[in-house]
Amino acid sequence: MNNLEGKVIAVIGASSGIGEGIVRAFADYSPKGIVLAARRVEKLQNIADEMQRRGQSTLVVSTDVTKKDALQNLIDRTVERYGNLDIVVNSAGTIQGDIPHRDLSEEEIRTIIATNFEQVLNSAPIIQAYFENQRSGIYIVLSSHAASKHFPGQAPYNATKAAASSVAITMDNEFKELREKRGFSLWAFALEPGFVDTTEARVKFGQEFKELYETLPENK
């Protein structure tokens, strides 16, 4: 965190939840600029205005992560504004909530797959190519504890998060050779947090949210 001064950071999924929290946390460490990316531009602008009042330079980029060209546009807009891009945090995603797999519609399952996995897979080559050309960069994918815990009834969510983690780990294995043989400063990480208190979690888990949240060891 102490090395963020002067860095340019793009946060995908910055309009709410973990992504919004990451923006606020990063702003405490004096980066050169924070790029806020998501579909909800009005929400992004509200957060950007707050950051600017704190003296933080920001850029808002409307980004639909399910569209393959969106990440290239995000990079292009960032480089146009700041000259480079050092860190990408991909926190875009959706949760399954308390609806078991058997009760999900085909459309709901496709949404989970597209938002949690396909966008990570499709954007990876674009981000990787930019960082390799730059010879430096950090890519962080916000996965989930569900990737390894395989919660009952949550097969679509579990599977997509495991797949998203795999994309980031595979990218880092490819970066490793460039680090060791050519001295490039390239890294990719999959972060797998546990249950997080977000607006989406409260909505999708409904009445079960409070009971579920209070059963977690860290909240007892």
C-alpha atoms as a PDB file:
ATOM      1  CA  MET A   1       0.000   0.000   0.000  1.00  0.00           C
ATOM      2  CA  ASN A   2       2.892   2.389   0.702  1.00  0.00           C
ATOM      3  CA  ASN A   3       4.029   2.006  -2.922  1.00  0.00           C
ATOM      4  CA  LEU A   4       0.864   3.470  -4.461  1.00  0.00           C
ATOM      5  CA  GLU A   5       2.153   7.039  -4.529  1.00  0.00           C
ATOM      6  CA  GLY A   6       2.402   8.172  -8.136  1.00  0.00           C
ATOM      7  CA  LYS A   7       0.668   5.059  -9.478  1.00  0.00           C
ATOM      8  CA  VAL A   8      -2.337   4.948 -11.805  1.00  0.00           C
ATOM      9  CA  ILE A   9      -4.979   2.469 -10.726  1.00  0.00           C
ATOM     10  CA  ALA A  10      -8.120   1.294 -12.528  1.00  0.00           C
ATOM     11  CA  VAL A  11     -10.868  -0.255 -10.415  1.00  0.00           C
ATOM     12  CA  ILE A  12     -13.431  -2.234 -12.409  1.00  0.00           C
ATOM     13  CA  GLY A  13     -16.739  -2.556 -10.598  1.00  0.00           C
ATOM     14  CA  ALA A  14     -16.073   0.648  -8.653  1.00  0.00           C
ATOM     15  CA  SER A  15     -19.709   1.737  -8.359  1.00  0.00           C
ATOM     16  CA  SER A  16     -20.599  -0.408  -5.339  1.00  0.00           C
ATOM     17  CA  GLY A  17     -19.564  -3.120  -2.910  1.00  0.00           C
ATOM     18  CA  ILE A  18     -15.934  -4.150  -2.607  1.00  0.00           C
ATOM     19  CA  GLY A  19     -14.902  -2.061  -5.620  1.00  0.00           C
ATOM     20  CA  GLU A  20     -16.273   1.112  -4.061  1.00  0.00           C
ATOM     21  CA  GLY A  21     -14.456   0.301  -0.830  1.00  0.00           C
ATOM     22  CA  ILE A  22     -11.198  -0.283  -2.714  1.00  0.00           C
ATOM     23  CA  VAL A  23     -11.425   3.161  -4.325  1.00  0.00           C
ATOM     24  CA  ARG A  24     -11.825   4.826  -0.944  1.00  0.00           C
ATOM     25  CA  ALA A  25      -8.986   2.801   0.583  1.00  0.00           C
ATOM     26  CA  PHE A  26      -6.560   3.462  -2.286  1.00  0.00           C
ATOM     27  CA  ALA A  27      -7.256   7.197  -2.144  1.00  0.00           C
ATOM     28  CA  ASP A  28      -5.574   7.277   1.279  1.00  0.00           C
ATOM     29  CA  TYR A  29      -2.217   6.376  -0.294  1.00  0.00           C
ATOM     30  CA  SER A  30      -1.751   9.224  -2.806  1.00  0.00           C
ATOM     31  CA  PRO A  31      -1.897   7.493  -6.184  1.00  0.00           C
ATOM     32  CA  LYS A  32      -1.428   9.650  -9.261  1.00  0.00           C
ATOM     33  CA  GLY A  33      -4.933   8.791 -10.419  1.00  0.00           C
ATOM     34  CA  ILE A  34      -7.788   6.384  -9.809  1.00  0.00           C
ATOM     35  CA  VAL A  35      -9.930   5.311 -12.756  1.00  0.00           C
ATOM     36  CA  LEU A  36     -13.466   4.319 -11.792  1.00  0.00           C
ATOM     37  CA  ALA A  37     -15.059   1.827 -14.191  1.00  0.00           C
ATOM     38  CA  ALA A  38     -18.560   0.324 -14.179  1.00  0.00           C
ATOM     39  CA  ARG A  39     -21.869   0.636 -16.018  1.00  0.00           C
ATOM     40  CA  ARG A  40     -23.550   2.974 -13.518  1.00  0.00           C
ATOM     41  CA  VAL A  41     -21.902   6.262 -14.479  1.00  0.00           C
ATOM     42  CA  GLU A  42     -24.013   8.403 -12.156  1.00  0.00           C
ATOM     43  CA  LYS A  43     -22.925   6.342  -9.145  1.00  0.00           C
ATOM     44  CA  LEU A  44     -19.308   6.439 -10.322  1.00  0.00           C
ATOM     45  CA  GLN A  45     -19.450  10.207 -10.676  1.00  0.00           C
ATOM     46  CA  ASN A  46     -20.736  10.606  -7.123  1.00  0.00           C
ATOM     47  CA  ILE A  47     -17.783   8.590  -5.811  1.00  0.00           C
ATOM     48  CA  ALA A  48     -15.365  10.479  -8.070  1.00  0.00           C
ATOM     49  CA  ASP A  49     -16.681  13.804  -6.766  1.00  0.00           C
ATOM     50  CA  GLU A  50     -16.107  12.615  -3.208  1.00  0.00           C
ATOM     51  CA  MET A  51     -12.540  11.555  -4.053  1.00  0.00           C
ATOM     52  CA  GLN A  52     -11.829  14.866  -5.774  1.00  0.00           C
ATOM     53  CA  ARG A  53     -12.953  16.746  -2.666  1.00  0.00           C
ATOM     54  CA  ARG A  54     -10.253  14.748  -0.876  1.00  0.00           C
ATOM     55  CA  GLY A  55      -7.717  15.942  -3.420  1.00  0.00           C
ATOM     56  CA  GLN A  56      -7.583  12.719  -5.431  1.00  0.00           C
ATOM     57  CA  SER A  57      -7.436  12.850  -9.234  1.00  0.00           C
ATOM     58  CA  THR A  58     -10.043  10.552 -10.790  1.00  0.00           C
ATOM     59  CA  LEU A  59     -11.368   9.508 -14.182  1.00  0.00           C
ATOM     60  CA  VAL A  60     -14.795   7.953 -14.764  1.00  0.00           C
ATOM     61  CA  VAL A  61     -15.111   5.492 -17.653  1.00  0.00           C
ATOM     62  CA  SER A  62     -18.435   3.832 -18.492  1.00  0.00           C
ATOM     63  CA  THR A  63     -17.518   0.155 -18.760  1.00  0.00           C
ATOM     64  CA  ASP A  64     -19.691  -2.882 -19.435  1.00  0.00           C
ATOM     65  CA  VAL A  65     -17.320  -5.718 -18.582  1.00  0.00           C
ATOM     66  CA  THR A  66     -19.379  -8.231 -20.551  1.00  0.00           C
ATOM     67  CA  LYS A  67     -18.393  -6.391 -23.757  1.00  0.00           C
ATOM     68  CA  LYS A  68     -14.989  -7.526 -25.045  1.00  0.00           C
ATOM     69  CA  ASP A  69     -13.949  -4.085 -26.326  1.00  0.00           C
ATOM     70  CA  ALA A  70     -14.734  -2.372 -23.019  1.00  0.00           C
ATOM     71  CA  LEU A  71     -11.366  -3.128 -21.414  1.00  0.00           C
ATOM     72  CA  GLN A  72      -9.417  -1.811 -24.381  1.00  0.00           C
ATOM     73  CA  ASN A  73     -11.447   1.405 -24.216  1.00  0.00           C
ATOM     74  CA  LEU A  74     -10.739   1.619 -20.482  1.00  0.00           C
ATOM     75  CA  ILE A  75      -6.991   1.276 -21.058  1.00  0.00           C
ATOM     76  CA  ASP A  76      -7.009   3.758 -23.948  1.00  0.00           C
ATOM     77  CA  ARG A  77      -8.914   6.393 -21.953  1.00  0.00           C
ATOM     78  CA  THR A  78      -6.619   5.900 -18.956  1.00  0.00           C
ATOM     79  CA  VAL A  79      -3.419   6.227 -20.994  1.00  0.00           C
ATOM     80  CA  GLU A  80      -4.822   9.292 -22.766  1.00  0.00           C
ATOM     81  CA  ARG A  81      -5.433  10.959 -19.398  1.00  0.00           C
ATOM     82  CA  TYR A  82      -2.502   9.780 -17.291  1.00  0.00           C
ATOM     83  CA  GLY A  83       0.079   8.419 -19.728  1.00  0.00           C
ATOM     84  CA  ASN A  84       0.145   4.900 -18.337  1.00  0.00           C
ATOM     85  CA  LEU A  85      -1.671   2.331 -16.197  1.00  0.00           C
ATOM     86  CA  ASP A  86       0.054   0.529 -13.316  1.00  0.00           C
ATOM     87  CA  ILE A  87      -2.603  -1.519 -11.530  1.00  0.00           C
ATOM     88  CA  VAL A  88      -5.937  -3.014 -12.561  1.00  0.00           C
ATOM     89  CA  VAL A  89      -8.306  -4.312  -9.888  1.00  0.00           C
ATOM     90  CA  ASN A  90     -11.203  -6.313 -11.317  1.00  0.00           C
ATOM     91  CA  SER A  91     -13.915  -6.429  -8.669  1.00  0.00           C
ATOM     92  CA  ALA A  92     -16.844  -6.672 -11.091  1.00  0.00           C
ATOM     93  CA  GLY A  93     -19.140  -9.544 -10.237  1.00  0.00           C
ATOM     94  CA  THR A  94     -22.499 -10.653  -8.959  1.00  0.00           C
ATOM     95  CA  ILE A  95     -23.656 -13.007  -6.213  1.00  0.00           C
ATOM     96  CA  GLN A  96     -26.170 -15.821  -6.417  1.00  0.00           C
ATOM     97  CA  GLY A  97     -27.937 -15.017  -3.177  1.00  0.00           C
ATOM     98  CA  ASP A  98     -30.228 -17.437  -1.406  1.00  0.00           C
ATOM     99  CA  ILE A  99     -31.726 -18.994  -4.561  1.00  0.00           C
ATOM    100  CA  PRO A 100     -30.416 -22.561  -4.967  1.00  0.00           C
ATOM    101  CA  HIS A 101     -28.997 -23.700  -8.297  1.00  0.00           C
ATOM    102  CA  ARG A 102     -32.045 -25.825  -9.128  1.00  0.00           C
ATOM    103  CA  ASP A 103     -34.338 -22.792  -8.910  1.00  0.00           C
ATOM    104  CA  LEU A 104     -32.298 -20.431 -11.063  1.00  0.00           C
ATOM    105  CA  SER A 105     -33.491 -19.658 -14.567  1.00  0.00           C
ATOM    106  CA  GLU A 106     -31.218 -20.205 -17.535  1.00  0.00           C
ATOM    107  CA  GLU A 107     -30.941 -16.423 -17.913  1.00  0.00           C
ATOM    108  CA  GLU A 108     -29.909 -15.993 -14.267  1.00  0.00           C
ATOM    109  CA  ILE A 109     -27.220 -18.657 -14.635  1.00  0.00           C
ATOM    110  CA  ARG A 110     -25.930 -17.051 -17.832  1.00  0.00           C
ATOM    111  CA  THR A 111     -25.703 -13.688 -16.046  1.00  0.00           C
ATOM    112  CA  ILE A 112     -23.598 -15.203 -13.252  1.00  0.00           C
ATOM    113  CA  ILE A 113     -21.283 -16.889 -15.771  1.00  0.00           C
ATOM    114  CA  ALA A 114     -20.911 -13.765 -17.931  1.00  0.00           C
ATOM    115  CA  THR A 115     -20.325 -11.370 -15.032  1.00  0.00           C
ATOM    116  CA  ASN A 116     -18.121 -13.495 -12.797  1.00  0.00           C
ATOM    117  CA  PHE A 117     -16.087 -15.508 -15.288  1.00  0.00           C
ATOM    118  CA  GLU A 118     -16.426 -14.692 -18.978  1.00  0.00           C
ATOM    119  CA  GLN A 119     -15.529 -11.030 -18.521  1.00  0.00           C
ATOM    120  CA  VAL A 120     -12.385 -12.009 -16.589  1.00  0.00           C
ATOM    121  CA  LEU A 121     -11.403 -14.501 -19.290  1.00  0.00           C
ATOM    122  CA  ASN A 122     -12.108 -12.125 -22.190  1.00  0.00           C
ATOM    123  CA  SER A 123     -10.348  -9.137 -20.648  1.00  0.00           C
ATOM    124  CA  ALA A 124      -7.234 -11.019 -19.523  1.00  0.00           C
ATOM    125  CA  PRO A 125      -5.411 -11.000 -22.903  1.00  0.00           C
ATOM    126  CA  ILE A 126      -6.018  -7.255 -23.305  1.00  0.00           C
ATOM    127  CA  ILE A 127      -4.687  -6.399 -19.847  1.00  0.00           C
ATOM    128  CA  GLN A 128      -1.818  -8.858 -20.192  1.00  0.00           C
ATOM    129  CA  ALA A 129      -0.735  -7.489 -23.570  1.00  0.00           C
ATOM    130  CA  TYR A 130      -0.684  -3.910 -22.259  1.00  0.00           C
ATOM    131  CA  PHE A 131       1.325  -4.796 -19.153  1.00  0.00           C
ATOM    132  CA  GLU A 132       3.809  -6.946 -21.079  1.00  0.00           C
ATOM    133  CA  ASN A 133       4.395  -4.145 -23.557  1.00  0.00           C
ATOM    134  CA  GLN A 134       4.924  -1.787 -20.608  1.00  0.00           C
ATOM    135  CA  ARG A 135       7.111  -4.406 -18.861  1.00  0.00           C
ATOM    136  CA  SER A 136       5.336  -3.772 -15.583  1.00  0.00           C
ATOM    137  CA  GLY A 137       1.892  -3.978 -14.043  1.00  0.00           C
ATOM    138  CA  ILE A 138      -0.277  -5.654 -11.420  1.00  0.00           C
ATOM    139  CA  TYR A 139      -3.606  -7.331 -12.133  1.00  0.00           C
ATOM    140  CA  ILE A 140      -5.833  -8.254  -9.188  1.00  0.00           C
ATOM    141  CA  VAL A 141      -8.982 -10.335  -9.633  1.00  0.00           C
ATOM    142  CA  LEU A 142     -11.519 -10.283  -6.802  1.00  0.00           C
ATOM    143  CA  SER A 143     -12.635 -13.891  -6.611  1.00  0.00           C
ATOM    144  CA  SER A 144     -14.255 -15.475  -3.543  1.00  0.00           C
ATOM    145  CA  HIS A 145     -13.783 -17.958  -0.724  1.00  0.00           C
ATOM    146  CA  ALA A 146     -16.472 -19.914  -2.593  1.00  0.00           C
ATOM    147  CA  ALA A 147     -13.845 -20.836  -5.195  1.00  0.00           C
ATOM    148  CA  SER A 148     -12.467 -23.467  -2.820  1.00  0.00           C
ATOM    149  CA  LYS A 149     -15.308 -24.010  -0.307  1.00  0.00           C
ATOM    150  CA  HIS A 150     -17.964 -25.143  -2.820  1.00  0.00           C
ATOM    151  CA  PHE A 151     -20.991 -23.986  -0.837  1.00  0.00           C
ATOM    152  CA  PRO A 152     -24.096 -26.223  -1.244  1.00  0.00           C
ATOM    153  CA  GLY A 153     -26.683 -24.947  -3.720  1.00  0.00           C
ATOM    154  CA  GLN A 154     -24.225 -22.371  -5.084  1.00  0.00           C
ATOM    155  CA  ALA A 155     -22.717 -24.345  -7.975  1.00  0.00           C
ATOM    156  CA  PRO A 156     -22.892 -21.501 -10.569  1.00  0.00           C
ATOM    157  CA  TYR A 157     -21.309 -18.992  -8.194  1.00  0.00           C
ATOM    158  CA  ASN A 158     -18.716 -21.437  -6.861  1.00  0.00           C
ATOM    159  CA  ALA A 159     -17.687 -22.539 -10.342  1.00  0.00           C
ATOM    160  CA  THR A 160     -17.403 -19.052 -11.804  1.00  0.00           C
ATOM    161  CA  LYS A 161     -15.280 -17.815  -8.919  1.00  0.00           C
ATOM    162  CA  ALA A 162     -12.986 -20.846  -9.145  1.00  0.00           C
ATOM    163  CA  ALA A 163     -12.629 -20.201 -12.865  1.00  0.00           C
ATOM    164  CA  ALA A 164     -11.895 -16.504 -12.311  1.00  0.00           C
ATOM    165  CA  SER A 165      -9.157 -17.399  -9.823  1.00  0.00           C
ATOM    166  CA  SER A 166      -7.695 -19.813 -12.363  1.00  0.00           C
ATOM    167  CA  VAL A 167      -7.449 -17.065 -14.989  1.00  0.00           C
ATOM    168  CA  ALA A 168      -5.447 -14.815 -12.651  1.00  0.00           C
ATOM    169  CA  ILE A 169      -3.177 -17.631 -11.456  1.00  0.00           C
ATOM    170  CA  THR A 170      -2.534 -18.743 -15.035  1.00  0.00           C
ATOM    171  CA  MET A 171      -1.656 -15.166 -15.999  1.00  0.00           C
ATOM    172  CA  ASP A 172       0.828 -14.963 -13.131  1.00  0.00           C
ATOM    173  CA  ASN A 173       2.436 -18.243 -14.204  1.00  0.00           C
ATOM    174  CA  GLU A 174       2.978 -16.651 -17.610  1.00  0.00           C
ATOM    175  CA  PHE A 175       4.295 -13.480 -15.979  1.00  0.00           C
ATOM    176  CA  LYS A 176       6.688 -15.543 -13.853  1.00  0.00           C
ATOM    177  CA  GLU A 177       8.837 -16.466 -16.836  1.00  0.00           C
ATOM    178  CA  LEU A 178       9.095 -12.808 -17.840  1.00  0.00           C
ATOM    179  CA  ARG A 179       9.987 -11.834 -14.266  1.00  0.00           C
ATOM    180  CA  GLU A 180      12.703 -14.449 -13.983  1.00  0.00           C
ATOM    181  CA  LYS A 181      14.195 -14.323 -17.485  1.00  0.00           C
ATOM    182  CA  ARG A 182      13.727 -10.702 -18.506  1.00  0.00           C
ATOM    183  CA  GLY A 183      13.367  -8.808 -15.250  1.00  0.00           C
ATOM    184  CA  PHE A 184       9.846  -7.549 -15.982  1.00  0.00           C
ATOM    185  CA  SER A 185       7.842  -6.367 -12.968  1.00  0.00           C
ATOM    186  CA  LEU A 186       4.617  -8.220 -13.764  1.00  0.00           C
ATOM    187  CA  TRP A 187       2.231  -9.781 -11.251  1.00  0.00           C
ATOM    188  CA  ALA A 188      -1.292 -11.196 -11.197  1.00  0.00           C
ATOM    189  CA  PHE A 189      -3.251 -12.201  -8.115  1.00  0.00           C
ATOM    190  CA  ALA A 190      -6.577 -13.805  -7.255  1.00  0.00           C
ATOM    191  CA  LEU A 191      -7.983 -12.553  -3.941  1.00  0.00           C
ATOM    192  CA  GLU A 192     -10.593 -14.810  -2.345  1.00  0.00           C
ATOM    193  CA  PRO A 193     -12.367 -12.909   0.460  1.00  0.00           C
ATOM    194  CA  GLY A 194     -15.080 -14.440   2.603  1.00  0.00           C
ATOM    195  CA  PHE A 195     -18.608 -13.112   3.026  1.00  0.00           C
ATOM    196  CA  VAL A 196     -18.689  -9.311   2.748  1.00  0.00           C
ATOM    197  CA  ASP A 197     -21.431  -6.973   3.948  1.00  0.00           C
ATOM    198  CA  THR A 198     -22.514  -5.189   0.744  1.00  0.00           C
ATOM    199  CA  THR A 199     -25.783  -3.727  -0.489  1.00  0.00           C
ATOM    200  CA  GLU A 200     -26.107  -6.518  -3.066  1.00  0.00           C
ATOM    201  CA  ALA A 201     -25.605  -9.181  -0.372  1.00  0.00           C
ATOM    202  CA  ARG A 202     -28.306  -7.621   1.791  1.00  0.00           C
ATOM    203  CA  VAL A 203     -30.737  -7.532  -1.155  1.00  0.00           C
ATOM    204  CA  LYS A 204     -30.057 -10.994  -2.550  1.00  0.00           C
ATOM    205  CA  PHE A 205     -29.980 -12.784   0.795  1.00  0.00           C
ATOM    206  CA  GLY A 206     -33.025 -10.865   2.056  1.00  0.00           C
ATOM    207  CA  GLN A 207     -34.234 -11.859   5.512  1.00  0.00           C
ATOM    208  CA  GLU A 208     -31.502 -14.476   5.835  1.00  0.00           C
ATOM    209  CA  PHE A 209     -28.746 -11.869   5.627  1.00  0.00           C
ATOM    210  CA  LYS A 210     -28.545 -10.903   9.303  1.00  0.00           C
ATOM    211  CA  GLU A 211     -28.608 -14.510  10.495  1.00  0.00           C
ATOM    212  CA  LEU A 212     -26.009 -15.564   7.915  1.00  0.00           C
ATOM    213  CA  TYR A 213     -23.696 -12.641   8.630  1.00  0.00           C
ATOM    214  CA  GLU A 214     -23.827 -13.144  12.382  1.00  0.00           C
ATOM    215  CA  THR A 215     -22.857 -16.824  12.091  1.00  0.00           C
ATOM    216  CA  LEU A 216     -19.457 -15.915  10.650  1.00  0.00           C
ATOM    217  CA  PRO A 217     -16.657 -16.406  13.227  1.00  0.00           C
ATOM    218  CA  GLU A 218     -15.258 -12.915  12.701  1.00  0.00           C
ATOM    219  CA  ASN A 219     -18.638 -11.348  13.559  1.00  0.00           C
ATOM    220  CA  LYS A 220     -19.390 -13.272  16.719  1.00  0.00           C
END
